[in-house]
C-alpha atoms as a PDB file:
ATOM      1  CA  MET A   1     -19.894 -33.042  -5.714  1.00  0.00           C
ATOM      2  CA  PRO A   2     -22.012 -33.399  -2.809  1.00  0.00           C
ATOM      3  CA  PRO A   3     -25.951 -31.650  -3.481  1.00  0.00           C
ATOM      4  CA  GLU A   4     -26.432 -28.826  -1.705  1.00  0.00           C
ATOM      5  CA  SER A   5     -29.737 -26.399  -0.961  1.00  0.00           C
ATOM      6  CA  SER A   6     -29.943 -23.154  -1.562  1.00  0.00           C
ATOM      7  CA  THR A   7     -30.240 -22.014   2.105  1.00  0.00           C
ATOM      8  CA  THR A   8     -27.164 -20.643   3.847  1.00  0.00           C
ATOM      9  CA  SER A   9     -25.779 -21.512   7.499  1.00  0.00           C
ATOM     10  CA  ALA A  10     -25.230 -19.052  10.086  1.00  0.00           C
ATOM     11  CA  GLU A  11     -21.646 -19.880   9.750  1.00  0.00           C
ATOM     12  CA  GLY A  12     -21.047 -17.681   6.459  1.00  0.00           C
ATOM     13  CA  ASN A  13     -21.946 -17.693   2.452  1.00  0.00           C
ATOM     14  CA  ALA A  14     -21.925 -21.773   2.467  1.00  0.00           C
ATOM     15  CA  PRO A  15     -25.041 -23.766   1.707  1.00  0.00           C
ATOM     16  CA  ALA A  16     -26.543 -25.010   4.573  1.00  0.00           C
ATOM     17  CA  PRO A  17     -26.788 -29.222   3.444  1.00  0.00           C
ATOM     18  CA  ARG A  18     -30.246 -30.743   2.724  1.00  0.00           C
ATOM     19  CA  SER A  19     -31.021 -32.381   6.421  1.00  0.00           C
ATOM     20  CA  THR A  20     -30.779 -29.140   7.580  1.00  0.00           C
ATOM     21  CA  VAL A  21     -33.700 -27.465   5.602  1.00  0.00           C
ATOM     22  CA  TRP A  22     -35.399 -30.770   6.515  1.00  0.00           C
ATOM     23  CA  ARG A  23     -34.673 -30.625   9.998  1.00  0.00           C
ATOM     24  CA  ASP A  24     -36.084 -27.306  10.135  1.00  0.00           C
ATOM     25  CA  LEU A  25     -39.115 -28.043   8.071  1.00  0.00           C
ATOM     26  CA  ALA A  26     -40.028 -31.263  11.026  1.00  0.00           C
ATOM     27  CA  CYS A  27     -39.547 -28.442  13.173  1.00  0.00           C
ATOM     28  CA  VAL A  28     -42.225 -26.039  11.734  1.00  0.00           C
ATOM     29  CA  ALA A  29     -44.465 -29.092  11.036  1.00  0.00           C
ATOM     30  CA  ALA A  30     -44.097 -30.108  14.893  1.00  0.00           C
ATOM     31  CA  LEU A  31     -44.763 -27.053  16.498  1.00  0.00           C
ATOM     32  CA  THR A  32     -47.851 -26.762  14.485  1.00  0.00           C
ATOM     33  CA  VAL A  33     -49.496 -29.614  15.436  1.00  0.00           C
ATOM     34  CA  LEU A  34     -48.587 -29.029  18.795  1.00  0.00           C
ATOM     35  CA  ALA A  35     -50.125 -26.065  18.720  1.00  0.00           C
ATOM     36  CA  ALA A  36     -53.354 -27.386  17.157  1.00  0.00           C
ATOM     37  CA  ALA A  37     -53.758 -30.073  19.640  1.00  0.00           C
ATOM     38  CA  LEU A  38     -52.823 -27.666  22.850  1.00  0.00           C
ATOM     39  CA  GLY A  39     -55.524 -25.280  21.390  1.00  0.00           C
ATOM     40  CA  ALA A  40     -57.903 -28.229  21.055  1.00  0.00           C
ATOM     41  CA  PHE A  41     -57.132 -29.480  24.608  1.00  0.00           C
ATOM     42  CA  PHE A  42     -57.600 -26.123  25.892  1.00  0.00           C
ATOM     43  CA  ASP A  43     -60.480 -25.256  23.880  1.00  0.00           C
ATOM     44  CA  PHE A  44     -58.248 -21.947  23.185  1.00  0.00           C
ATOM     45  CA  GLY A  45     -61.096 -20.699  20.556  1.00  0.00           C
ATOM     46  CA  GLU A  46     -63.888 -20.768  23.085  1.00  0.00           C
ATOM     47  CA  ARG A  47     -61.552 -18.942  25.666  1.00  0.00           C
ATOM     48  CA  VAL A  48     -60.569 -16.186  23.463  1.00  0.00           C
ATOM     49  CA  TYR A  49     -64.237 -15.550  22.313  1.00  0.00           C
ATOM     50  CA  GLN A  50     -65.126 -15.415  26.449  1.00  0.00           C
ATOM     51  CA  TRP A  51     -62.419 -12.872  26.756  1.00  0.00           C
ATOM     52  CA  THR A  52     -63.737 -10.773  23.643  1.00  0.00           C
ATOM     53  CA  ARG A  53     -67.359 -11.050  24.083  1.00  0.00           C
ATOM     54  CA  SER A  54     -67.070  -7.330  25.999  1.00  0.00           C
ATOM     55  CA  VAL A  55     -65.129  -6.006  23.441  1.00  0.00           C
ATOM     56  CA  GLU A  56     -67.491  -7.033  20.287  1.00  0.00           C
ATOM     57  CA  ARG A  57     -67.635  -3.994  18.580  1.00  0.00           C
ATOM     58  CA  PHE A  58     -63.935  -3.671  17.985  1.00  0.00           C
ATOM     59  CA  GLN A  59     -63.989  -6.872  15.699  1.00  0.00           C
ATOM     60  CA  LEU A  60     -62.020  -9.167  17.500  1.00  0.00           C
ATOM     61  CA  ASP A  61     -62.974 -11.800  16.167  1.00  0.00           C
ATOM     62  CA  GLU A  62     -62.328 -10.966  12.825  1.00  0.00           C
ATOM     63  CA  LEU A  63     -58.551 -11.381  13.617  1.00  0.00           C
ATOM     64  CA  PRO A  64     -57.529 -14.623  12.598  1.00  0.00           C
ATOM     65  CA  ALA A  65     -58.607 -13.669   9.092  1.00  0.00           C
ATOM     66  CA  THR A  66     -56.243 -10.270   9.064  1.00  0.00           C
ATOM     67  CA  LEU A  67     -53.425 -12.700  11.036  1.00  0.00           C
ATOM     68  CA  PHE A  68     -53.600 -14.863   8.023  1.00  0.00           C
ATOM     69  CA  VAL A  69     -53.010 -12.545   5.453  1.00  0.00           C
ATOM     70  CA  LEU A  70     -50.162 -11.681   7.463  1.00  0.00           C
ATOM     71  CA  ALA A  71     -48.576 -14.748   8.032  1.00  0.00           C
ATOM     72  CA  SER A  72     -49.379 -15.503   4.300  1.00  0.00           C
ATOM     73  CA  GLY A  73     -47.494 -11.784   3.568  1.00  0.00           C
ATOM     74  CA  LEU A  74     -44.964 -12.430   5.566  1.00  0.00           C
ATOM     75  CA  ALA A  75     -44.274 -15.920   4.020  1.00  0.00           C
ATOM     76  CA  TRP A  76     -44.391 -14.177   0.392  1.00  0.00           C
ATOM     77  CA  PHE A  77     -42.257 -11.247   1.458  1.00  0.00           C
ATOM     78  CA  ALA A  78     -39.275 -14.167   3.381  1.00  0.00           C
ATOM     79  CA  TRP A  79     -39.506 -15.832   0.059  1.00  0.00           C
ATOM     80  CA  ARG A  80     -39.151 -13.501  -2.450  1.00  0.00           C
ATOM     81  CA  ARG A  81     -35.590 -12.037   0.293  1.00  0.00           C
ATOM     82  CA  TYR A  82     -34.374 -15.880  -0.026  1.00  0.00           C
ATOM     83  CA  GLY A  83     -34.850 -15.493  -3.781  1.00  0.00           C
ATOM     84  CA  GLU A  84     -33.005 -12.395  -4.016  1.00  0.00           C
ATOM     85  CA  SER A  85     -30.128 -14.240  -1.408  1.00  0.00           C
ATOM     86  CA  GLN A  86     -29.570 -16.934  -3.329  1.00  0.00           C
ATOM     87  CA  ARG A  87     -28.902 -14.636  -6.357  1.00  0.00           C
ATOM     88  CA  GLU A  88     -26.674 -12.646  -4.605  1.00  0.00           C
ATOM     89  CA  LEU A  89     -25.086 -15.862  -3.729  1.00  0.00           C
ATOM     90  CA  ARG A  90     -24.167 -17.610  -7.323  1.00  0.00           C
ATOM     91  CA  ARG A  91     -23.137 -13.975  -7.882  1.00  0.00           C
ATOM     92  CA  GLY A  92     -20.398 -13.684  -5.640  1.00  0.00           C
ATOM     93  CA  ARG A  93     -19.354 -17.480  -6.851  1.00  0.00           C
ATOM     94  CA  ALA A  94     -19.068 -16.395  -9.959  1.00  0.00           C
ATOM     95  CA  LEU A  95     -17.314 -13.430  -9.123  1.00  0.00           C
ATOM     96  CA  GLU A  96     -14.839 -15.280  -6.947  1.00  0.00           C
ATOM     97  CA  GLN A  97     -14.091 -18.079  -9.637  1.00  0.00           C
ATOM     98  CA  GLU A  98     -13.907 -14.855 -12.355  1.00  0.00           C
ATOM     99  CA  ALA A  99     -11.211 -13.698  -9.766  1.00  0.00           C
ATOM    100  CA  GLU A 100      -9.479 -16.586  -9.417  1.00  0.00           C
ATOM    101  CA  ARG A 101      -9.067 -17.391 -13.328  1.00  0.00           C
ATOM    102  CA  LEU A 102      -7.732 -13.733 -13.493  1.00  0.00           C
ATOM    103  CA  LEU A 103      -5.416 -14.348 -10.986  1.00  0.00           C
ATOM    104  CA  ALA A 104      -4.094 -17.819 -12.305  1.00  0.00           C
ATOM    105  CA  ASP A 105      -3.511 -16.062 -15.878  1.00  0.00           C
ATOM    106  CA  ASN A 106      -2.165 -12.854 -13.621  1.00  0.00           C
ATOM    107  CA  ARG A 107       0.132 -15.518 -13.073  1.00  0.00           C
ATOM    108  CA  ARG A 108       0.352 -17.293 -15.601  1.00  0.00           C
ATOM    109  CA  LEU A 109       1.680 -14.371 -17.494  1.00  0.00           C
ATOM    110  CA  ALA A 110       3.776 -13.095 -14.958  1.00  0.00           C
ATOM    111  CA  SER A 111       5.733 -15.900 -15.315  1.00  0.00           C
ATOM    112  CA  GLN A 112       5.971 -16.502 -19.200  1.00  0.00           C
ATOM    113  CA  GLY A 113       7.415 -12.913 -19.004  1.00  0.00           C
ATOM    114  CA  ILE A 114       9.729 -13.958 -16.251  1.00  0.00           C
ATOM    115  CA  ASP A 115      10.821 -16.572 -18.945  1.00  0.00           C
ATOM    116  CA  ALA A 116      10.905 -14.502 -21.530  1.00  0.00           C
ATOM    117  CA  GLN A 117      13.414 -11.881 -20.164  1.00  0.00           C
ATOM    118  CA  GLU A 118      15.729 -14.713 -18.578  1.00  0.00           C
ATOM    119  CA  SER A 119      15.722 -16.494 -21.997  1.00  0.00           C
ATOM    120  CA  GLU A 120      17.489 -12.963 -23.292  1.00  0.00           C
ATOM    121  CA  ARG A 121      19.354 -12.326 -20.652  1.00  0.00           C
ATOM    122  CA  ARG A 122      20.543 -15.724 -21.337  1.00  0.00           C
ATOM    123  CA  HIS A 123      21.148 -15.208 -25.020  1.00  0.00           C
ATOM    124  CA  LEU A 124      22.914 -11.440 -24.384  1.00  0.00           C
ATOM    125  CA  ALA A 125      25.079 -12.888 -22.493  1.00  0.00           C
ATOM    126  CA  ARG A 126      26.139 -15.764 -24.829  1.00  0.00           C
ATOM    127  CA  GLU A 127      26.395 -13.094 -27.729  1.00  0.00           C
ATOM    128  CA  LEU A 128      28.696 -11.274 -25.790  1.00  0.00           C
ATOM    129  CA  HIS A 129      30.988 -13.868 -24.871  1.00  0.00           C
ATOM    130  CA  ASP A 130      31.028 -15.555 -27.926  1.00  0.00           C
ATOM    131  CA  GLU A 131      30.766 -12.279 -30.494  1.00  0.00           C
ATOM    132  CA  LEU A 132      31.962  -9.142 -28.576  1.00  0.00           C
ATOM    133  CA  GLY A 133      34.623 -11.177 -25.946  1.00  0.00           C
ATOM    134  CA  GLN A 134      36.105 -12.373 -29.209  1.00  0.00           C
ATOM    135  CA  TYR A 135      36.238  -9.353 -31.344  1.00  0.00           C
ATOM    136  CA  LEU A 136      38.127  -7.534 -28.286  1.00  0.00           C
ATOM    137  CA  ASN A 137      40.464 -10.547 -27.936  1.00  0.00           C
ATOM    138  CA  SER A 138      41.891 -10.021 -31.300  1.00  0.00           C
ATOM    139  CA  ILE A 139      41.939  -5.909 -31.006  1.00  0.00           C
ATOM    140  CA  SER A 140      44.187  -7.189 -27.675  1.00  0.00           C
ATOM    141  CA  LEU A 141      45.974  -9.424 -29.693  1.00  0.00           C
ATOM    142  CA  ASP A 142      46.367  -6.871 -33.096  1.00  0.00           C
ATOM    143  CA  ALA A 143      47.564  -3.850 -30.516  1.00  0.00           C
ATOM    144  CA  ALA A 144      49.816  -6.010 -28.983  1.00  0.00           C
ATOM    145  CA  ARG A 145      51.516  -7.030 -32.108  1.00  0.00           C
ATOM    146  CA  ILE A 146      51.847  -3.185 -32.945  1.00  0.00           C
ATOM    147  CA  ARG A 147      53.330  -2.688 -29.403  1.00  0.00           C
ATOM    148  CA  ASP A 148      56.206  -5.006 -30.192  1.00  0.00           C
ATOM    149  CA  LEU A 149      56.584  -3.763 -33.900  1.00  0.00           C
ATOM    150  CA  SER A 150      56.876  -0.196 -32.794  1.00  0.00           C
ATOM    151  CA  ALA A 151      58.651  -0.336 -30.093  1.00  0.00           C
ATOM    152  CA  GLU A 152      61.882   0.696 -31.011  1.00  0.00           C
ATOM    153  CA  ARG A 153      61.135   2.758 -34.483  1.00  0.00           C
ATOM    154  CA  GLU A 154      57.742   4.337 -33.270  1.00  0.00           C
ATOM    155  CA  PRO A 155      56.971   5.799 -30.335  1.00  0.00           C
ATOM    156  CA  GLU A 156      54.202   7.820 -30.540  1.00  0.00           C
ATOM    157  CA  ILE A 157      52.569   4.532 -32.112  1.00  0.00           C
ATOM    158  CA  HIS A 158      53.607   2.295 -29.513  1.00  0.00           C
ATOM    159  CA  ARG A 159      52.410   5.154 -26.748  1.00  0.00           C
ATOM    160  CA  VAL A 160      48.909   4.782 -29.003  1.00  0.00           C
ATOM    161  CA  SER A 161      49.019   0.662 -29.051  1.00  0.00           C
ATOM    162  CA  LEU A 162      49.830   0.632 -25.426  1.00  0.00           C
ATOM    163  CA  ALA A 163      46.084   2.844 -24.887  1.00  0.00           C
ATOM    164  CA  LEU A 164      44.362   0.405 -26.901  1.00  0.00           C
ATOM    165  CA  ILE A 165      45.837  -2.482 -25.236  1.00  0.00           C
ATOM    166  CA  GLN A 166      44.448  -0.809 -22.098  1.00  0.00           C
ATOM    167  CA  SER A 167      41.150   0.196 -23.362  1.00  0.00           C
ATOM    168  CA  ALA A 168      40.326  -3.300 -24.481  1.00  0.00           C
ATOM    169  CA  HIS A 169      40.746  -4.885 -21.498  1.00  0.00           C
ATOM    170  CA  HIS A 170      38.966  -2.761 -18.906  1.00  0.00           C
ATOM    171  CA  VAL A 171      35.829  -3.360 -21.838  1.00  0.00           C
ATOM    172  CA  TYR A 172      36.631  -7.200 -21.255  1.00  0.00           C
ATOM    173  CA  ARG A 173      36.452  -6.119 -17.697  1.00  0.00           C
ATOM    174  CA  GLU A 174      33.162  -4.363 -18.063  1.00  0.00           C
ATOM    175  CA  ILE A 175      31.289  -7.279 -20.135  1.00  0.00           C
ATOM    176  CA  GLY A 176      32.567  -9.858 -18.367  1.00  0.00           C
ATOM    177  CA  GLY A 177      30.715  -7.855 -15.169  1.00  0.00           C
ATOM    178  CA  MET A 178      27.135  -7.442 -17.803  1.00  0.00           C
ATOM    179  CA  ILE A 179      27.737 -11.346 -18.191  1.00  0.00           C
ATOM    180  CA  ARG A 180      27.775 -11.783 -15.008  1.00  0.00           C
ATOM    181  CA  ARG A 181      24.850  -9.717 -14.409  1.00  0.00           C
ATOM    182  CA  LEU A 182      22.594 -11.104 -17.161  1.00  0.00           C
ATOM    183  CA  ARG A 183      23.355 -14.955 -16.532  1.00  0.00           C
ATOM    184  CA  PRO A 184      24.507 -16.130 -13.046  1.00  0.00           C
ATOM    185  CA  ILE A 185      28.116 -17.992 -13.422  1.00  0.00           C
ATOM    186  CA  GLY A 186      28.014 -21.589 -12.589  1.00  0.00           C
ATOM    187  CA  LEU A 187      24.009 -21.852 -12.223  1.00  0.00           C
ATOM    188  CA  ASP A 188      23.508 -24.025 -15.065  1.00  0.00           C
ATOM    189  CA  GLU A 189      26.679 -26.480 -14.930  1.00  0.00           C
ATOM    190  CA  PHE A 190      27.135 -26.662 -10.699  1.00  0.00           C
ATOM    191  CA  GLY A 191      23.607 -25.481  -9.045  1.00  0.00           C
ATOM    192  CA  LEU A 192      21.440 -22.656  -7.672  1.00  0.00           C
ATOM    193  CA  PRO A 193      24.030 -23.343  -3.826  1.00  0.00           C
ATOM    194  CA  THR A 194      27.439 -23.140  -5.725  1.00  0.00           C
ATOM    195  CA  ALA A 195      25.733 -20.096  -7.850  1.00  0.00           C
ATOM    196  CA  LEU A 196      24.388 -18.077  -4.573  1.00  0.00           C
ATOM    197  CA  GLU A 197      28.291 -19.022  -2.874  1.00  0.00           C
ATOM    198  CA  HIS A 198      29.748 -17.390  -5.908  1.00  0.00           C
ATOM    199  CA  CYS A 199      27.832 -14.168  -5.558  1.00  0.00           C
ATOM    200  CA  VAL A 200      28.204 -13.647  -1.923  1.00  0.00           C
ATOM    201  CA  ASP A 201      31.727 -13.513  -2.475  1.00  0.00           C
ATOM    202  CA  GLY A 202      31.424 -11.447  -4.799  1.00  0.00           C
ATOM    203  CA  TRP A 203      29.747  -9.145  -2.471  1.00  0.00           C
ATOM    204  CA  ARG A 204      32.149  -9.842   0.001  1.00  0.00           C
ATOM    205  CA  GLU A 205      35.006  -8.178  -2.019  1.00  0.00           C
ATOM    206  CA  ARG A 206      32.763  -5.137  -3.073  1.00  0.00           C
ATOM    207  CA  LEU A 207      31.735  -4.294   0.855  1.00  0.00           C
ATOM    208  CA  PRO A 208      34.531  -5.255   2.886  1.00  0.00           C
ATOM    209  CA  GLY A 209      32.663  -2.756   5.936  1.00  0.00           C
ATOM    210  CA  ALA A 210      29.767  -5.977   5.927  1.00  0.00           C
ATOM    211  CA  SER A 211      29.756  -9.589   7.240  1.00  0.00           C
ATOM    212  CA  PHE A 212      28.389 -12.477   5.151  1.00  0.00           C
ATOM    213  CA  ALA A 213      26.838 -15.716   5.925  1.00  0.00           C
ATOM    214  CA  LEU A 214      25.142 -18.169   3.973  1.00  0.00           C
ATOM    215  CA  THR A 215      23.387 -21.150   4.711  1.00  0.00           C
ATOM    216  CA  VAL A 216      22.113 -23.490   2.530  1.00  0.00           C
ATOM    217  CA  GLU A 217      19.727 -26.971   3.980  1.00  0.00           C
ATOM    218  CA  GLY A 218      18.322 -29.450   1.611  1.00  0.00           C
ATOM    219  CA  ASP A 219      18.759 -30.930  -2.348  1.00  0.00           C
ATOM    220  CA  PHE A 220      18.132 -28.424  -5.107  1.00  0.00           C
ATOM    221  CA  SER A 221      19.242 -30.158  -7.662  1.00  0.00           C
ATOM    222  CA  ALA A 222      15.724 -30.880  -9.027  1.00  0.00           C
ATOM    223  CA  LEU A 223      14.665 -27.428  -9.347  1.00  0.00           C
ATOM    224  CA  THR A 224      12.895 -25.887 -12.796  1.00  0.00           C
ATOM    225  CA  ASP A 225      15.350 -23.374 -14.392  1.00  0.00           C
ATOM    226  CA  THR A 226      12.442 -20.955 -13.321  1.00  0.00           C
ATOM    227  CA  GLN A 227      12.766 -21.754  -9.435  1.00  0.00           C
ATOM    228  CA  ASN A 228      16.731 -21.555  -9.721  1.00  0.00           C
ATOM    229  CA  ILE A 229      16.421 -17.410 -11.761  1.00  0.00           C
ATOM    230  CA  THR A 230      13.794 -16.359  -9.254  1.00  0.00           C
ATOM    231  CA  LEU A 231      15.765 -17.463  -6.174  1.00  0.00           C
ATOM    232  CA  TYR A 232      18.930 -16.385  -7.511  1.00  0.00           C
ATOM    233  CA  ARG A 233      17.107 -13.505  -8.249  1.00  0.00           C
ATOM    234  CA  LEU A 234      16.060 -13.218  -4.939  1.00  0.00           C
ATOM    235  CA  VAL A 235      19.166 -13.256  -2.966  1.00  0.00           C
ATOM    236  CA  GLN A 236      20.918 -11.486  -5.495  1.00  0.00           C
ATOM    237  CA  GLU A 237      18.694  -8.196  -5.579  1.00  0.00           C
ATOM    238  CA  GLY A 238      18.952  -8.307  -1.631  1.00  0.00           C
ATOM    239  CA  LEU A 239      22.629  -8.238  -1.456  1.00  0.00           C
ATOM    240  CA  THR A 240      21.909  -5.586  -3.848  1.00  0.00           C
ATOM    241  CA  ASN A 241      19.440  -3.599  -1.543  1.00  0.00           C
ATOM    242  CA  VAL A 242      23.087  -4.399   1.244  1.00  0.00           C
ATOM    243  CA  SER A 243      24.717  -2.254  -1.110  1.00  0.00           C
ATOM    244  CA  LYS A 244      22.639   0.798  -0.852  1.00  0.00           C
ATOM    245  CA  PHE A 245      21.435   0.951   2.220  1.00  0.00           C
ATOM    246  CA  ALA A 246      23.029  -1.449   4.981  1.00  0.00           C
ATOM    247  CA  ARG A 247      26.984  -1.126   3.688  1.00  0.00           C
ATOM    248  CA  HIS A 248      28.143  -2.086   7.657  1.00  0.00           C
ATOM    249  CA  ALA A 249      25.215  -4.791   8.146  1.00  0.00           C
ATOM    250  CA  ARG A 250      25.616  -7.969   9.315  1.00  0.00           C
ATOM    251  CA  VAL A 251      23.660 -10.403   6.507  1.00  0.00           C
ATOM    252  CA  GLU A 252      22.687 -13.904   7.052  1.00  0.00           C
ATOM    253  CA  ILE A 253      21.370 -15.827   4.783  1.00  0.00           C
ATOM    254  CA  TYR A 254      19.398 -18.897   4.402  1.00  0.00           C
ATOM    255  CA  LEU A 255      17.920 -21.177   1.901  1.00  0.00           C
ATOM    256  CA  VAL A 256      16.175 -24.065   3.266  1.00  0.00           C
ATOM    257  CA  ARG A 257      14.413 -26.683   1.200  1.00  0.00           C
ATOM    258  CA  THR A 258      11.574 -28.317   3.524  1.00  0.00           C
ATOM    259  CA  SER A 259      12.014 -32.323   3.648  1.00  0.00           C
ATOM    260  CA  ALA A 260       7.860 -32.935   3.410  1.00  0.00           C
ATOM    261  CA  ASP A 261       6.496 -33.800   0.456  1.00  0.00           C
ATOM    262  CA  PRO A 262       6.391 -32.122  -2.088  1.00  0.00           C
ATOM    263  CA  GLY A 263       7.706 -29.105   0.338  1.00  0.00           C
ATOM    264  CA  GLU A 264       8.532 -25.688  -0.061  1.00  0.00           C
ATOM    265  CA  ILE A 265      11.584 -23.587  -0.108  1.00  0.00           C
ATOM    266  CA  VAL A 266      12.273 -20.902   2.288  1.00  0.00           C
ATOM    267  CA  VAL A 267      14.769 -18.221   1.545  1.00  0.00           C
ATOM    268  CA  THR A 268      15.174 -15.298   4.320  1.00  0.00           C
ATOM    269  CA  MET A 269      17.348 -12.386   4.079  1.00  0.00           C
ATOM    270  CA  ALA A 270      18.259 -10.172   7.522  1.00  0.00           C
ATOM    271  CA  ASP A 271      20.536  -7.589   8.538  1.00  0.00           C
ATOM    272  CA  ASP A 272      20.819  -5.280  10.887  1.00  0.00           C
ATOM    273  CA  GLY A 273      21.414  -1.910   9.158  1.00  0.00           C
ATOM    274  CA  PRO A 274      19.176   1.410   9.728  1.00  0.00           C
ATOM    275  CA  GLY A 275      15.883  -0.489   8.446  1.00  0.00           C
ATOM    276  CA  THR A 276      12.959   1.535   6.786  1.00  0.00           C
ATOM    277  CA  ASP A 277       9.669   2.816   7.708  1.00  0.00           C
ATOM    278  CA  LEU A 278       7.719   0.548   5.399  1.00  0.00           C
ATOM    279  CA  THR A 279       4.274   2.681   5.962  1.00  0.00           C
ATOM    280  CA  LYS A 280       5.983   4.901   3.824  1.00  0.00           C
ATOM    281  CA  PRO A 281       6.095   4.798  -0.117  1.00  0.00           C
ATOM    282  CA  ARG A 282       8.986   3.545  -1.526  1.00  0.00           C
ATOM    283  CA  ALA A 283      10.859   5.050  -4.423  1.00  0.00           C
ATOM    284  CA  GLY A 284      12.412   1.885  -5.951  1.00  0.00           C
ATOM    285  CA  LEU A 285      10.979  -1.097  -7.675  1.00  0.00           C
ATOM    286  CA  GLY A 286      13.354  -3.825  -6.281  1.00  0.00           C
ATOM    287  CA  LEU A 287      11.255  -5.325  -3.451  1.00  0.00           C
ATOM    288  CA  ILE A 288       7.946  -5.156  -5.762  1.00  0.00           C
ATOM    289  CA  GLY A 289      10.087  -7.058  -8.540  1.00  0.00           C
ATOM    290  CA  MET A 290      10.903  -9.754  -6.158  1.00  0.00           C
ATOM    291  CA  ARG A 291       7.296 -10.221  -5.016  1.00  0.00           C
ATOM    292  CA  GLU A 292       6.273 -10.443  -9.143  1.00  0.00           C
ATOM    293  CA  ARG A 293       8.588 -12.849  -9.044  1.00  0.00           C
ATOM    294  CA  VAL A 294       7.643 -15.355  -6.199  1.00  0.00           C
ATOM    295  CA  GLU A 295       4.106 -14.976  -6.688  1.00  0.00           C
ATOM    296  CA  ALA A 296       4.728 -16.017 -10.234  1.00  0.00           C
ATOM    297  CA  LEU A 297       5.865 -19.353  -8.986  1.00  0.00           C
ATOM    298  CA  GLY A 298       2.434 -19.460  -6.551  1.00  0.00           C
ATOM    299  CA  GLY A 299       4.551 -18.659  -3.461  1.00  0.00           C
ATOM    300  CA  GLU A 300       4.273 -16.054  -0.791  1.00  0.00           C
ATOM    301  CA  PHE A 301       6.613 -12.782  -0.039  1.00  0.00           C
ATOM    302  CA  HIS A 302       7.145 -10.990   3.006  1.00  0.00           C
ATOM    303  CA  ILE A 303       9.083  -8.573   4.607  1.00  0.00           C
ATOM    304  CA  ALA A 304       9.660  -6.793   7.773  1.00  0.00           C
ATOM    305  CA  SER A 305      11.783  -3.847   8.834  1.00  0.00           C
ATOM    306  CA  LYS A 306      11.343  -0.725  11.173  1.00  0.00           C
ATOM    307  CA  PRO A 307      13.521   2.319  11.731  1.00  0.00           C
ATOM    308  CA  GLN A 308      16.809   1.520  13.324  1.00  0.00           C
ATOM    309  CA  GLY A 309      15.713  -2.692  13.598  1.00  0.00           C
ATOM    310  CA  GLY A 310      17.259  -4.014  10.130  1.00  0.00           C
ATOM    311  CA  PHE A 311      14.914  -5.107   7.501  1.00  0.00           C
ATOM    312  CA  LEU A 312      14.036  -8.678   6.920  1.00  0.00           C
ATOM    313  CA  PHE A 313      12.371 -10.569   3.880  1.00  0.00           C
ATOM    314  CA  CYS A 314      10.688 -13.991   3.780  1.00  0.00           C
ATOM    315  CA  ALA A 315       9.900 -15.415   0.612  1.00  0.00           C
ATOM    316  CA  ARG A 316       8.253 -19.106   0.378  1.00  0.00           C
ATOM    317  CA  VAL A 317       8.073 -20.629  -3.026  1.00  0.00           C
ATOM    318  CA  PRO A 318       6.677 -24.381  -3.276  1.00  0.00           C
ATOM    319  CA  VAL A 319       8.286 -26.915  -4.975  1.00  0.00           C
ATOM    320  CA  GLN A 320       6.235 -28.813  -7.289  1.00  0.00           C
ATOM    321  CA  ALA A 321       5.049 -24.832  -8.805  1.00  0.00           C
ATOM    322  CA  ARG A 322       2.308 -25.420 -11.057  1.00  0.00           C
ATOM    323  CA  LEU A 323       0.654 -23.056 -13.146  1.00  0.00           C
ATOM    324  CA  PRO A 324      -3.145 -23.669 -13.975  1.00  0.00           C
ATOM    325  CA  VAL A 325      -3.509 -24.567 -17.473  1.00  0.00           C
ATOM    326  CA  PRO A 326      -7.002 -23.077 -19.166  1.00  0.00           C
ATOM    327  CA  GLY A 327      -9.386 -25.566 -19.405  1.00  0.00           C
ATOM    328  CA  ALA A 328      -7.588 -28.224 -16.956  1.00  0.00           C
ATOM    329  CA  PRO A 329      -9.519 -29.875 -13.894  1.00  0.00           C
ATOM    330  CA  ASN A 330      -7.828 -27.847 -11.422  1.00  0.00           C
ATOM    331  CA  ASP A 331      -8.500 -24.167 -13.582  1.00  0.00           C
ATOM    332  CA  PRO A 332     -10.996 -22.351 -11.676  1.00  0.00           C
ATOM    333  CA  ALA A 333     -12.795 -21.460 -15.148  1.00  0.00           C
ATOM    334  CA  GLY A 334     -12.508 -25.089 -15.955  1.00  0.00           C
ATOM    335  CA  LEU A 335     -14.354 -25.705 -12.815  1.00  0.00           C
ATOM    336  CA  ALA A 336     -17.233 -23.346 -13.410  1.00  0.00           C
ATOM    337  CA  LYS A 337     -17.854 -24.777 -16.791  1.00  0.00           C
ATOM    338  CA  SER A 338     -17.997 -28.044 -15.466  1.00  0.00           C
ATOM    339  CA  GLU A 339     -20.509 -27.450 -12.667  1.00  0.00           C
ATOM    340  CA  LYS A 340     -22.812 -25.716 -14.804  1.00  0.00           C
END
């Protein structure tokens, strides 16, 4: 790091460079020498004595000593204030570093929480499909066997077996919906764009009064699982909000990966529904969860809406989303320790 002096610049709290300090001291020394030279050239002391002879009774000739004491006191006062300002600056820098460290810890914990949540969802989806799904299939097959055997001899048993088959099919469909909500279909096998298309197609069936347009640009093949699931959940939560508040709106979804290196991913969803007044508190936690997911990856989340003016959200997620590791060179706490 370049050397820094303990003085502050006029533009903020950043320390002024040493060159500025020496330049200021040189100006003070030059002005002092110039004042001494002018005083000697014009005999300033004798002229002052002549001007003050008529008021000798007021002891004005003692003013130089008084002014010297005053100048010394002002210099001491300035030095004390200067020391206090430097202590405040150091304290402010320490607080900023602590805030950055806490923010990094918060993002890391949020990311770990999201990873744990998605891992548990993936485990539940697998268990529902592999264990409960197989048992329901067995129940359905046994009920079909009972139905065939009791078709002519036991009408009541036949009726009960038909009802059991219908119940098993209903539970199986419900479990399929739960599995889709727990883990997006096709996300692991076919990638994010295909999973989003499947998700949007499902909402087209549920909301025939709304129109949906999905635009995907860029390469999304090398994203991490956390990034994939975060982007998917953003769109999923946005479509859920559309189903609640804008069932007959026109919805446009954009998923773009910028070509810059390393680049970022931008997700935008806009609808022309009734909108909302953002100045009033909202009861739901959907937008809060969306913001937390994006910020956990070091991204930004913005919303815009007004009554009868539609709703829009925009999320920007860096492609190289890396959370600082404690003690690493890019960690604020590690930097603070190394500077000490």
